[in-house]
């Protein structure tokens, strides 16, 4: 089986339910209930801090930018429309940042386009159907998709797929047949590798021997995935001019990222396939001319058989891939699209709360286990080690964000280059309760 090494960035997202995380960490402490109570109060306080931002974002989309059901629609060329768009996009971008979503880079998109997993051919998007004005001034944007849409992702995982993969196996057999038939008539030694680069996940003869007994055996493939993907765009022609589409997907293979792009084009024979067929025709003509010039009917028929079989393989592979593409798209729509529109925004707002609470919880736990004082670098390493040992979640922990939240909650403070907190969860709980009583009295 052919393979490729994919270097995946460890993101800062802590994608685990807060209740589960708190319970696992509390079990490691001598006073678990005090720790659980502190975490509960932290969650309530952080939720209050985020409430206005989340409410404003949801309200703005519901009233102004819902593609079909906006309750207070903007009129065409209405003054101030662009300012409202900018406000929405800035608020939306801040929410994504706080959820630790990362914008898709040119390198990641290039990797997706040139790799294959379940999607066996390139998929494009119809530029004429997508608006290119909305995202021109979007904060933090890159120009990977020419301002037509933006893709954000967070979290990584692994997708596995089992199948017979007959076409890749036939590719190996085809090249073996080519060498077997033509090697006796060729003075130079054939290279062991196929002149055409196999896609990741395909089968190479040097690593996977095709024999009768294993031709009908299943093969397992693995591909890294983005745990969550968000796509934002606007259609050029739609019922409501100012509507903004937001879609949310889960567990999308990195090599098949094209399945989330909006307004996908209809698959057709690409330039590479036509080039292969043209080269085959030229090779057949030259080969037949040389064969009959040498009066070698056997060689001529061999070349003709190989060329015809290859041409048939190219066309049949394309038709097979079209059918698989239809099945894959249907599956993704029903299984991997989580939400659209307001539901996506609501989910993102919940993710902000979960991420910020998780960061604060892990940092607080790290301080308690580090004798209530630590240097930032040491605390970062401690938190990352805790996430791996307790919840098996490798993470590039954002220590500055976590400590900033603890400082806002008055749970931690800095002094002499060190981060400090109270010596026990019980003391911290008593402080938070006293602070809450003081607010109520005033």
Protein backbone atom coordinates (compact mmCIF):
# COMPACT_ATOMS: atom_id res chain seq x y z
CA UNK A 1 0.00 0.00 0.00
CA UNK A 2 1.41 3.40 -0.89
CA UNK A 3 1.71 5.93 1.88
CA UNK A 4 2.49 9.58 2.54
CA UNK A 5 3.54 11.39 5.65
CA UNK A 6 1.24 14.23 6.66
CA UNK A 7 2.46 16.72 9.21
CA UNK A 8 -0.64 17.92 11.07
CA UNK A 9 -0.54 21.01 13.26
CA UNK A 10 -1.62 20.40 16.83
CA UNK A 11 -4.30 22.98 17.43
CA UNK A 12 -5.06 24.66 20.74
CA UNK A 13 -8.69 23.45 20.83
CA UNK A 14 -9.60 21.31 23.86
CA UNK A 15 -12.44 19.36 22.28
CA UNK A 16 -13.93 17.52 25.23
CA UNK A 17 -17.08 18.05 27.24
CA UNK A 18 -16.36 20.31 30.23
CA UNK A 19 -18.20 18.10 32.71
CA UNK A 20 -16.15 15.07 31.68
CA UNK A 21 -12.90 17.02 31.87
CA UNK A 22 -13.69 18.44 35.32
CA UNK A 23 -14.64 15.03 36.72
CA UNK A 24 -11.46 13.38 35.42
CA UNK A 25 -9.25 16.09 36.89
CA UNK A 26 -11.16 16.20 40.19
CA UNK A 27 -10.48 12.50 40.71
CA UNK A 28 -6.78 13.36 40.88
CA UNK A 29 -7.18 15.79 43.80
CA UNK A 30 -7.59 15.27 47.52
CA UNK A 31 -10.57 17.65 47.69
CA UNK A 32 -12.49 16.86 44.46
CA UNK A 33 -15.83 18.45 45.42
CA UNK A 34 -14.24 21.84 46.12
CA UNK A 35 -12.55 21.70 42.72
CA UNK A 36 -15.83 20.80 40.99
CA UNK A 37 -17.61 23.69 42.72
CA UNK A 38 -14.88 26.16 41.70
CA UNK A 39 -15.12 24.98 38.07
CA UNK A 40 -18.91 25.39 38.17
CA UNK A 41 -18.59 28.98 39.38
CA UNK A 42 -15.91 29.68 36.74
CA UNK A 43 -18.26 28.43 34.04
CA UNK A 44 -21.09 30.67 35.25
CA UNK A 45 -18.83 33.74 35.37
CA UNK A 46 -17.30 33.11 31.92
CA UNK A 47 -20.80 32.53 30.48
CA UNK A 48 -21.88 35.95 31.78
CA UNK A 49 -18.80 37.56 30.19
CA UNK A 50 -19.64 36.02 26.80
CA UNK A 51 -23.39 36.49 26.92
CA UNK A 52 -23.62 39.89 25.23
CA UNK A 53 -21.22 39.01 22.38
CA UNK A 54 -23.07 35.79 21.61
CA UNK A 55 -26.49 37.42 21.81
CA UNK A 56 -25.49 40.28 19.48
CA UNK A 57 -24.05 37.89 16.87
CA UNK A 58 -27.13 35.66 16.84
CA UNK A 59 -29.50 38.64 16.76
CA UNK A 60 -27.65 40.34 13.90
CA UNK A 61 -27.74 37.21 11.75
CA UNK A 62 -31.37 36.47 12.58
CA UNK A 63 -32.63 39.97 11.78
CA UNK A 64 -30.32 41.08 8.97
CA UNK A 65 -28.35 38.28 7.32
CA UNK A 66 -30.37 35.05 7.45
CA UNK A 67 -30.50 33.91 3.77
CA UNK A 68 -34.27 33.24 3.78
CA UNK A 69 -35.88 34.25 7.09
CA UNK A 70 -34.29 37.57 8.09
CA UNK A 71 -36.87 39.46 10.14
CA UNK A 72 -35.59 42.94 9.30
CA UNK A 73 -34.17 42.64 5.81
CA UNK A 74 -31.84 45.23 4.34
CA UNK A 75 -32.98 46.91 1.16
CA UNK A 76 -30.84 46.93 -1.96
CA UNK A 77 -28.10 49.57 -1.74
CA UNK A 78 -29.33 50.62 1.69
CA UNK A 79 -26.92 53.06 3.41
CA UNK A 80 -25.09 51.40 6.26
CA UNK A 81 -25.48 47.88 4.85
CA UNK A 82 -21.73 47.47 4.40
CA UNK A 83 -21.11 48.65 7.95
CA UNK A 84 -23.51 46.02 9.29
CA UNK A 85 -21.79 43.37 7.17
CA UNK A 86 -18.43 44.42 8.56
CA UNK A 87 -19.79 44.32 12.12
CA UNK A 88 -21.19 40.81 11.61
CA UNK A 89 -18.00 39.47 10.03
CA UNK A 90 -15.81 40.95 12.77
CA UNK A 91 -18.00 39.46 15.49
CA UNK A 92 -18.11 36.12 13.65
CA UNK A 93 -14.31 36.13 13.27
CA UNK A 94 -13.79 36.83 16.98
CA UNK A 95 -16.04 33.90 17.89
CA UNK A 96 -14.08 31.59 15.58
CA UNK A 97 -10.79 32.79 17.03
CA UNK A 98 -11.95 32.18 20.57
CA UNK A 99 -13.10 28.69 19.52
CA UNK A 100 -9.55 28.23 18.20
CA UNK A 101 -10.66 27.74 14.59
CA UNK A 102 -7.89 28.32 12.06
CA UNK A 103 -8.40 29.61 8.55
CA UNK A 104 -7.48 27.16 5.81
CA UNK A 105 -4.08 28.00 4.34
CA UNK A 106 -2.88 27.86 0.74
CA UNK A 107 -0.64 24.91 1.64
CA UNK A 108 -3.50 22.94 3.22
CA UNK A 109 -5.76 23.58 0.23
CA UNK A 110 -3.00 22.53 -2.18
CA UNK A 111 -2.53 19.32 -0.19
CA UNK A 112 -6.26 18.62 -0.41
CA UNK A 113 -6.40 19.23 -4.16
CA UNK A 114 -3.42 17.02 -4.93
CA UNK A 115 -4.35 14.16 -2.59
CA UNK A 116 -6.99 11.49 -2.92
CA UNK A 117 -8.80 9.40 -0.34
CA UNK A 118 -12.46 8.56 -0.98
CA UNK A 119 -12.94 11.36 -3.52
CA UNK A 120 -11.12 10.10 -6.59
CA UNK A 121 -10.97 13.20 -8.78
CA UNK A 122 -10.71 16.97 -8.53
CA UNK A 123 -13.80 18.99 -7.71
CA UNK A 124 -14.05 22.69 -8.53
CA UNK A 125 -16.54 25.41 -7.70
CA UNK A 126 -18.60 27.69 -9.93
CA UNK A 127 -17.17 31.19 -9.47
CA UNK A 128 -20.04 32.82 -11.35
CA UNK A 129 -22.54 31.70 -8.66
CA UNK A 130 -20.58 33.05 -5.67
CA UNK A 131 -20.40 36.66 -4.51
CA UNK A 132 -16.90 38.16 -4.26
CA UNK A 133 -17.79 41.44 -2.53
CA UNK A 134 -18.80 40.29 0.96
CA UNK A 135 -15.45 38.87 2.03
CA UNK A 136 -13.14 41.47 0.51
CA UNK A 137 -12.73 43.21 3.86
CA UNK A 138 -13.31 40.22 6.13
CA UNK A 139 -10.91 40.33 9.13
CA UNK A 140 -8.01 37.91 9.02
CA UNK A 141 -8.92 36.68 5.54
CA UNK A 142 -6.49 35.15 3.09
CA UNK A 143 -7.05 35.02 -0.64
CA UNK A 144 -7.04 31.26 -1.14
CA UNK A 145 -10.54 31.28 -2.68
CA UNK A 146 -10.50 34.74 -4.31
CA UNK A 147 -12.90 36.22 -1.72
CA UNK A 148 -15.65 33.80 -2.80
CA UNK A 149 -15.82 31.87 0.47
CA UNK A 150 -13.77 31.15 3.59
CA UNK A 151 -13.06 27.80 5.24
CA UNK A 152 -12.11 27.44 8.90
CA UNK A 153 -11.17 24.25 10.75
CA UNK A 154 -10.19 23.01 14.19
CA UNK A 155 -9.23 19.71 15.76
CA UNK A 156 -7.77 16.66 14.07
CA UNK A 157 -8.75 13.02 13.98
CA UNK A 158 -8.36 9.86 11.93
CA UNK A 159 -10.82 8.38 9.44
CA UNK A 160 -10.52 4.75 8.38
CA UNK A 161 -12.10 3.13 5.38
CA UNK A 162 -12.17 -0.52 4.32
CA UNK A 163 -12.82 -1.65 0.79
CA UNK A 164 -11.69 -3.85 -2.06
CA UNK A 165 -10.31 -0.94 -4.16
CA UNK A 166 -10.34 -2.94 -7.35
CA UNK A 167 -9.39 -0.03 -9.64
CA UNK A 168 -6.08 0.73 -7.87
CA UNK A 169 -5.30 -2.99 -7.89
CA UNK A 170 -6.12 -3.13 -11.60
CA UNK A 171 -3.77 -0.18 -12.12
CA UNK A 172 -0.93 -2.27 -10.72
CA UNK A 173 -1.91 -5.25 -12.87
CA UNK A 174 -2.09 -3.02 -15.93
CA UNK A 175 1.45 -1.74 -15.48
CA UNK A 176 2.65 -5.29 -14.84
CA UNK A 177 1.00 -6.41 -18.08
CA UNK A 178 2.61 -3.51 -19.97
CA UNK A 179 6.08 -4.48 -18.77
CA UNK A 180 5.52 -8.18 -19.35
CA UNK A 181 4.40 -7.67 -22.95
CA UNK A 182 6.92 -5.05 -24.02
CA UNK A 183 10.04 -5.93 -22.02
CA UNK A 184 11.20 -8.65 -24.47
CA UNK A 185 11.13 -6.10 -27.32
CA UNK A 186 12.75 -3.25 -25.41
CA UNK A 187 16.50 -3.00 -25.07
CA UNK A 188 16.53 -0.78 -21.98
CA UNK A 189 15.42 -1.92 -18.52
CA UNK A 190 12.00 -0.85 -17.37
CA UNK A 191 11.74 1.10 -14.19
CA UNK A 192 9.96 -0.69 -11.36
CA UNK A 193 7.86 2.36 -10.60
CA UNK A 194 4.84 3.42 -12.57
CA UNK A 195 5.43 6.52 -14.75
CA UNK A 196 2.15 7.87 -13.45
CA UNK A 197 2.05 8.95 -9.84
CA UNK A 198 -0.44 6.95 -7.83
CA UNK A 199 -2.71 8.79 -5.49
CA UNK A 200 -2.25 8.48 -1.73
CA UNK A 201 -4.16 5.41 -0.69
CA UNK A 202 -3.63 3.67 -4.03
CA UNK A 203 -1.74 0.40 -4.25
CA UNK A 204 1.83 0.24 -5.49
CA UNK A 205 3.31 -2.96 -6.75
CA UNK A 206 6.51 -2.55 -4.80
CA UNK A 207 4.67 -2.50 -1.49
CA UNK A 208 1.51 -4.52 -2.11
CA UNK A 209 1.82 -7.64 -4.27
CA UNK A 210 -1.34 -8.30 -6.27
CA UNK A 211 -2.03 -12.02 -6.32
CA UNK A 212 -5.15 -14.06 -6.90
CA UNK A 213 -5.56 -14.81 -3.20
CA UNK A 214 -5.43 -11.16 -2.09
CA UNK A 215 -7.03 -9.43 -5.08
CA UNK A 216 -10.47 -9.96 -3.51
CA UNK A 217 -9.35 -9.13 0.04
CA UNK A 218 -10.33 -5.84 1.68
CA UNK A 219 -7.75 -3.14 2.31
CA UNK A 220 -7.90 -0.57 5.15
CA UNK A 221 -6.97 3.06 4.47
CA UNK A 222 -6.35 5.82 7.01
CA UNK A 223 -6.57 9.58 6.51
CA UNK A 224 -6.27 12.51 8.95
CA UNK A 225 -9.43 14.58 9.33
CA UNK A 226 -10.46 18.04 10.45
CA UNK A 227 -12.78 17.45 13.41
CA UNK A 228 -14.86 20.56 12.62
CA UNK A 229 -15.07 22.70 9.48
CA UNK A 230 -16.98 25.97 9.03
CA UNK A 231 -17.69 27.53 5.63
CA UNK A 232 -19.02 31.08 5.10
CA UNK A 233 -20.14 32.53 1.76
CA UNK A 234 -22.83 34.43 -0.12
CA UNK A 235 -24.47 33.49 -3.40
CA UNK A 236 -24.38 36.00 -6.21
CA UNK A 237 -28.02 35.49 -7.16
CA UNK A 238 -30.33 34.66 -4.29
CA UNK A 239 -33.76 35.61 -3.03
CA UNK A 240 -32.35 37.93 -0.34
CA UNK A 241 -29.35 39.91 -1.59
CA UNK A 242 -27.65 40.32 1.78
CA UNK A 243 -28.09 36.76 3.06
CA UNK A 244 -24.95 35.09 4.45
CA UNK A 245 -24.62 31.31 4.44
CA UNK A 246 -22.76 29.60 7.28
CA UNK A 247 -22.29 25.81 7.25
CA UNK A 248 -20.77 23.50 9.82
CA UNK A 249 -19.28 20.05 9.06
CA UNK A 250 -17.59 17.39 11.17
CA UNK A 251 -14.85 14.80 10.58
CA UNK A 252 -13.90 15.86 7.04
CA UNK A 253 -10.90 13.98 5.57
CA UNK A 254 -8.11 16.43 4.72
CA UNK A 255 -7.60 14.87 1.29
CA UNK A 256 -11.34 15.20 0.50
CA UNK A 257 -11.81 18.78 1.67
CA UNK A 258 -13.35 19.74 -1.69
CA UNK A 259 -16.64 18.18 -0.60
CA UNK A 260 -17.40 21.18 1.67
CA UNK A 261 -16.94 23.91 -0.95
CA UNK A 262 -20.17 25.62 -2.05
CA UNK A 263 -21.56 25.44 -5.59
CA UNK A 264 -19.48 22.46 -6.69
CA UNK A 265 -19.08 21.93 -10.44
CA UNK A 266 -20.32 18.86 -12.28
CA UNK A 267 -17.54 16.25 -12.65
CA UNK A 268 -16.16 15.79 -16.16
CA UNK A 269 -13.11 14.29 -17.81
CA UNK A 270 -10.25 16.57 -16.78
CA UNK A 271 -7.23 17.75 -18.72
CA UNK A 272 -5.09 14.96 -17.28
CA UNK A 273 -7.52 12.26 -18.45
CA UNK A 274 -7.70 13.77 -21.96
CA UNK A 275 -3.91 14.08 -21.96
CA UNK A 276 -3.59 10.40 -21.01
CA UNK A 277 -5.91 9.40 -23.84
CA UNK A 278 -4.02 11.60 -26.33
CA UNK A 279 -0.66 10.17 -25.27
CA UNK A 280 -2.12 6.69 -25.56
CA UNK A 281 -3.25 7.38 -29.13
CA UNK A 282 0.15 8.78 -30.08
CA UNK A 283 1.95 5.89 -28.42
CA UNK A 284 -0.31 3.41 -30.22
CA UNK A 285 0.38 5.02 -33.60
CA UNK A 286 4.14 5.08 -33.09
CA UNK A 287 4.22 1.58 -31.67
CA UNK A 288 2.16 0.11 -34.49
CA UNK A 289 4.26 1.91 -37.11
CA UNK A 290 7.48 0.50 -35.62
CA UNK A 291 6.00 -2.95 -35.13
CA UNK A 292 4.75 -3.34 -38.67
CA UNK A 293 7.96 -1.73 -39.93
CA UNK A 294 9.81 -4.63 -38.30
CA UNK A 295 7.12 -7.01 -39.58
CA UNK A 296 6.42 -7.96 -35.97
CA UNK A 297 2.68 -8.63 -35.87
CA UNK A 298 2.96 -10.03 -32.33
CA UNK A 299 4.48 -6.79 -31.02
CA UNK A 300 1.87 -4.69 -32.85
CA UNK A 301 -1.03 -6.63 -31.43
CA UNK A 302 0.51 -6.49 -27.96
CA UNK A 303 0.86 -2.71 -28.11
CA UNK A 304 -2.66 -2.30 -29.49
CA UNK A 305 -4.13 -4.50 -26.73
CA UNK A 306 -2.31 -2.58 -24.01
CA UNK A 307 -3.30 0.84 -25.38
CA UNK A 308 -6.95 -0.10 -25.83
CA UNK A 309 -7.12 -1.62 -22.37
CA UNK A 310 -5.58 1.52 -20.87
CA UNK A 311 -8.00 3.83 -22.71
CA UNK A 312 -10.92 1.74 -21.50
CA UNK A 313 -9.51 1.85 -17.96
CA UNK A 314 -9.29 5.69 -18.01
CA UNK A 315 -12.91 6.07 -19.15
CA UNK A 316 -14.29 3.32 -16.89
CA UNK A 317 -12.42 4.73 -13.88
CA UNK A 318 -13.97 8.14 -14.51
CA UNK A 319 -17.50 6.73 -14.72
CA UNK A 320 -16.94 4.70 -11.54
CA UNK A 321 -15.64 7.78 -9.73
CA UNK A 322 -18.70 9.81 -10.77
CA UNK A 323 -21.00 7.22 -9.18
CA UNK A 324 -18.86 7.13 -6.03
CA UNK A 325 -18.87 10.93 -5.93
CA UNK A 326 -22.67 11.02 -5.91
CA UNK A 327 -22.81 8.51 -3.07
CA UNK A 328 -20.13 10.37 -1.11
CA UNK A 329 -21.85 13.76 -1.40
CA UNK A 330 -25.17 12.25 -0.26
CA UNK A 331 -23.44 10.65 2.70
CA UNK A 332 -21.67 13.86 3.70
CA UNK A 333 -24.90 15.88 3.57
CA UNK A 334 -26.74 13.48 5.86
CA UNK A 335 -23.91 12.37 8.16
CA UNK A 336 -21.25 15.06 8.34
CA UNK A 337 -23.08 18.36 7.97
CA UNK A 338 -23.83 19.35 11.54
CA UNK A 339 -25.71 22.63 11.22
CA UNK A 340 -26.44 25.60 8.98
CA UNK A 341 -27.18 29.28 9.66
CA UNK A 342 -28.36 30.17 13.20
CA UNK A 343 -27.79 26.63 14.47
CA UNK A 344 -24.14 26.87 13.42
CA UNK A 345 -23.72 30.23 15.17
CA UNK A 346 -25.38 28.91 18.33
CA UNK A 347 -23.07 25.87 18.28
CA UNK A 348 -20.03 28.14 17.83
CA UNK A 349 -21.07 30.32 20.77
CA UNK A 350 -21.39 27.18 22.91
CA UNK A 351 -17.95 26.10 21.68
CA UNK A 352 -16.47 29.43 22.78
CA UNK A 353 -17.81 28.89 26.28
CA UNK A 354 -16.58 25.30 26.40
CA UNK A 355 -13.10 26.21 25.10
CA UNK A 356 -12.59 29.09 27.51
CA UNK A 357 -13.86 27.14 30.52
CA UNK A 358 -11.71 24.13 29.60
CA UNK A 359 -8.61 26.31 29.33
CA UNK A 360 -9.28 27.91 32.71
CA UNK A 361 -10.01 24.55 34.36
CA UNK A 362 -6.81 22.91 33.07
CA UNK A 363 -4.67 25.92 34.02
CA UNK A 364 -6.17 26.03 37.52
CA UNK A 365 -5.60 22.30 37.94
CA UNK A 366 -2.01 22.72 36.76
CA UNK A 367 -1.37 25.44 39.34
CA UNK A 368 -2.82 23.35 42.16
CA UNK A 369 -0.61 20.42 41.18
CA UNK A 370 2.40 22.77 40.90
CA UNK A 371 2.24 24.03 44.48
CA UNK A 372 0.09 27.03 43.49
CA UNK A 373 2.95 28.82 41.70
CA UNK A 374 4.66 28.27 38.36
CA UNK A 375 6.48 29.94 35.51
CA UNK A 376 4.32 30.30 32.35
CA UNK A 377 6.48 27.88 30.31
CA UNK A 378 6.42 25.26 33.04
CA UNK A 379 2.67 25.63 33.48
CA UNK A 380 2.12 25.24 29.74
CA UNK A 381 4.08 21.97 29.69
CA UNK A 382 2.22 20.79 32.78
CA UNK A 383 -1.17 21.49 31.20
CA UNK A 384 -0.25 19.75 27.95
CA UNK A 385 0.99 16.72 29.91
CA UNK A 386 -2.26 16.64 31.92
CA UNK A 387 -4.39 16.68 28.78
CA UNK A 388 -2.44 13.77 27.32
CA UNK A 389 -2.35 11.66 30.49
CA UNK A 390 -5.93 12.29 31.64
CA UNK A 391 -7.99 12.61 28.46
CA UNK A 392 -5.56 11.48 25.72
CA UNK A 393 -5.82 14.84 23.97
CA UNK A 394 -2.59 16.29 22.53
CA UNK A 395 -2.92 20.06 22.44
CA UNK A 396 -0.85 23.20 21.88
CA UNK A 397 -2.14 24.75 25.09
CA UNK A 398 -2.66 28.53 25.00
CA UNK A 399 -1.33 29.39 28.43
CA UNK A 400 -1.66 33.18 28.06
CA UNK A 401 -5.38 32.98 27.25
CA UNK A 402 -5.98 30.59 30.15
CA UNK A 403 -4.09 32.73 32.69
CA UNK A 404 -5.81 35.89 31.46
CA UNK A 405 -9.20 34.33 32.23
CA UNK A 406 -8.03 33.21 35.68
CA UNK A 407 -6.82 36.76 36.33
CA UNK A 408 -10.18 38.21 35.25
CA UNK A 409 -11.86 35.83 37.70
CA UNK A 410 -9.32 36.84 40.39
CA UNK A 411 -8.32 33.20 40.78
CA UNK A 412 -4.70 33.75 39.70
CA UNK A 413 -2.24 36.63 39.62
CA UNK A 414 1.31 37.32 38.44
CA UNK A 415 4.28 38.28 40.60
CA UNK A 416 8.04 38.17 39.92
CA UNK A 417 7.61 36.31 36.65
CA UNK A 418 5.52 33.61 38.30
CA UNK A 419 1.82 32.74 38.12
CA UNK A 420 0.23 32.23 41.53
CA UNK A 421 -3.08 31.01 42.92
CA UNK A 422 -4.42 30.15 46.37
CA UNK A 423 -3.01 27.02 47.91
CA UNK A 424 -6.19 24.94 47.72
CA UNK A 425 -9.47 24.64 45.82
CA UNK A 426 -11.33 25.23 49.09
CA UNK A 427 -9.71 28.64 49.60
CA UNK A 428 -10.46 29.57 45.99
CA UNK A 429 -14.10 28.52 46.39
CA UNK A 430 -14.49 30.61 49.53
CA UNK A 431 -13.05 33.63 47.71
CA UNK A 432 -15.44 33.23 44.76
CA UNK A 433 -18.43 32.81 47.06
CA UNK A 434 -17.46 35.94 49.00
CA UNK A 435 -17.10 37.87 45.75
CA UNK A 436 -20.55 36.71 44.63
CA UNK A 437 -22.12 37.76 47.94
CA UNK A 438 -20.49 41.19 47.65
CA UNK A 439 -21.97 41.69 44.15
CA UNK A 440 -25.43 40.72 45.38
CA UNK A 441 -25.22 43.15 48.33
CA UNK A 442 -24.25 46.00 46.04
